[in-house]
Amino acid sequence: MLTSQRSGQPGINAQEYSDLLLPLPSLMEQRRIGAFFDRLDSLITLHQRKYDKLCVLKKSMLDKMFPKGGSLYPEIRFAGFTDPWEQRKLGGSCFWIRVRFECGCFGFRW
């Protein structure tokens, strides 16, 4: 926190602000720096839009690649897969093991 040279209180007055020395690049370099960050902002925006579209695609594909309402056939399948999906109890098709992850926490894998 800045303190006034005259009063020692927090904050400084306009005269003290005007006496501060700030390192500044040339106007040309300031413009280049500004253009660089403008370009980064544009790239971030483009990637955010792409991410948003991919999230919509993922949701749509999840909806279409898993059977709905008791059906044994998803709406979309990979080529070469035509058999109906089987109904199985979870306990009969996999087993769970307790594992310790690199972060030190515990979880389950199957």
Protein backbone atom coordinates (compact mmCIF):
# COMPACT_ATOMS: atom_id res chain seq x y z
CA MET A 1 0.00 0.00 0.00
CA LEU A 2 1.27 3.47 -0.83
CA THR A 3 1.50 6.07 1.89
CA SER A 4 1.60 9.82 1.53
CA GLN A 5 5.07 11.38 1.76
CA ARG A 6 3.61 14.35 3.60
CA SER A 7 1.14 12.80 6.05
CA GLY A 8 2.24 9.17 6.30
CA GLN A 9 -1.41 8.17 5.82
CA PRO A 10 -2.53 5.55 3.30
CA GLY A 11 -3.04 6.99 -0.17
CA ILE A 12 -1.23 9.74 -1.99
CA ASN A 13 -2.43 13.03 -3.46
CA ALA A 14 -2.46 14.24 -7.07
CA GLN A 15 0.87 16.07 -6.75
CA GLU A 16 2.58 12.94 -5.45
CA TYR A 17 1.07 10.94 -8.34
CA SER A 18 2.43 13.43 -10.83
CA ASP A 19 5.95 13.03 -9.38
CA LEU A 20 5.99 9.19 -9.76
CA LEU A 21 8.38 7.83 -12.36
CA LEU A 22 7.06 4.99 -14.51
CA PRO A 23 9.07 2.97 -17.03
CA LEU A 24 7.25 3.16 -20.38
CA PRO A 25 8.22 1.69 -23.76
CA SER A 26 8.12 3.79 -26.90
CA LEU A 27 4.72 4.42 -28.50
CA MET A 28 5.60 1.96 -31.28
CA GLU A 29 6.38 -0.77 -28.73
CA GLN A 30 3.20 0.03 -26.78
CA ARG A 31 1.20 -0.50 -29.97
CA ARG A 32 2.95 -3.83 -30.65
CA ILE A 33 2.24 -4.98 -27.10
CA GLY A 34 -1.41 -3.95 -27.46
CA ALA A 35 -1.73 -5.73 -30.82
CA PHE A 36 -0.17 -8.88 -29.35
CA PHE A 37 -2.70 -9.02 -26.51
CA ASP A 38 -5.57 -8.20 -28.89
CA ARG A 39 -4.52 -11.22 -30.99
CA LEU A 40 -4.35 -13.43 -27.90
CA ASP A 41 -7.84 -12.29 -26.89
CA SER A 42 -9.09 -13.18 -30.38
CA LEU A 43 -7.51 -16.64 -30.20
CA ILE A 44 -9.04 -17.24 -26.77
CA THR A 45 -12.46 -16.25 -28.13
CA LEU A 46 -12.09 -18.55 -31.15
CA HIS A 47 -11.02 -21.48 -29.00
CA GLN A 48 -13.87 -20.83 -26.57
CA ARG A 49 -16.36 -20.94 -29.46
CA LYS A 50 -14.78 -24.16 -30.75
CA TYR A 51 -14.93 -25.66 -27.24
CA ASP A 52 -18.60 -24.68 -26.90
CA LYS A 53 -19.43 -26.30 -30.26
CA LEU A 54 -17.54 -29.47 -29.30
CA CYS A 55 -19.47 -29.66 -26.02
CA VAL A 56 -22.75 -29.47 -27.97
CA LEU A 57 -21.50 -32.18 -30.36
CA LYS A 58 -20.49 -34.41 -27.45
CA LYS A 59 -23.89 -34.07 -25.80
CA SER A 60 -25.66 -34.82 -29.06
CA MET A 61 -23.51 -37.89 -29.73
CA LEU A 62 -24.03 -39.18 -26.19
CA ASP A 63 -27.78 -38.89 -26.73
CA LYS A 64 -27.63 -40.71 -30.07
CA MET A 65 -25.02 -43.39 -29.31
CA PHE A 66 -26.83 -44.92 -26.35
CA PRO A 67 -30.22 -46.67 -26.60
CA LYS A 68 -33.24 -44.83 -25.22
CA GLY A 69 -36.48 -45.90 -23.62
CA GLY A 70 -35.84 -49.62 -23.35
CA SER A 71 -34.54 -49.96 -26.91
CA LEU A 72 -31.57 -52.24 -27.53
CA TYR A 73 -30.37 -50.22 -30.53
CA PRO A 74 -28.77 -46.77 -30.41
CA GLU A 75 -29.73 -44.23 -33.07
CA ILE A 76 -26.12 -44.01 -34.36
CA ARG A 77 -23.61 -46.88 -34.52
CA PHE A 78 -20.09 -47.37 -35.79
CA ALA A 79 -19.83 -49.28 -39.05
CA GLY A 80 -19.82 -53.04 -38.60
CA PHE A 81 -21.84 -53.08 -35.36
CA THR A 82 -25.42 -54.24 -35.81
CA ASP A 83 -26.17 -56.60 -32.92
CA PRO A 84 -28.58 -55.44 -30.23
CA TRP A 85 -27.12 -54.27 -26.94
CA GLU A 86 -27.44 -56.76 -24.11
CA GLN A 87 -29.08 -56.07 -20.75
CA ARG A 88 -26.74 -57.18 -17.93
CA LYS A 89 -26.50 -56.65 -14.22
CA LEU A 90 -23.53 -54.50 -13.33
CA GLY A 91 -22.15 -57.08 -10.90
CA GLY A 92 -22.02 -59.73 -13.61
CA SER A 93 -20.09 -57.73 -16.17
CA CYS A 94 -17.31 -56.05 -14.21
CA PHE A 95 -15.55 -55.93 -10.90
CA TRP A 96 -14.40 -52.97 -8.89
CA ILE A 97 -11.01 -52.50 -7.25
CA ARG A 98 -9.96 -49.78 -4.85
CA VAL A 99 -6.93 -47.85 -6.10
CA ARG A 100 -4.77 -45.02 -4.86
CA PHE A 101 -4.17 -42.33 -7.46
CA GLU A 102 -0.98 -40.27 -7.89
CA CYS A 103 -2.59 -37.36 -6.07
CA GLY A 104 -2.87 -39.58 -2.95
CA CYS A 105 -6.66 -39.89 -3.05
CA PHE A 106 -8.52 -43.16 -3.30
CA GLY A 107 -11.14 -44.20 -5.81
CA PHE A 108 -12.54 -47.19 -7.61
CA ARG A 109 -11.76 -48.59 -11.03
CA TRP A 110 -13.31 -51.41 -12.92
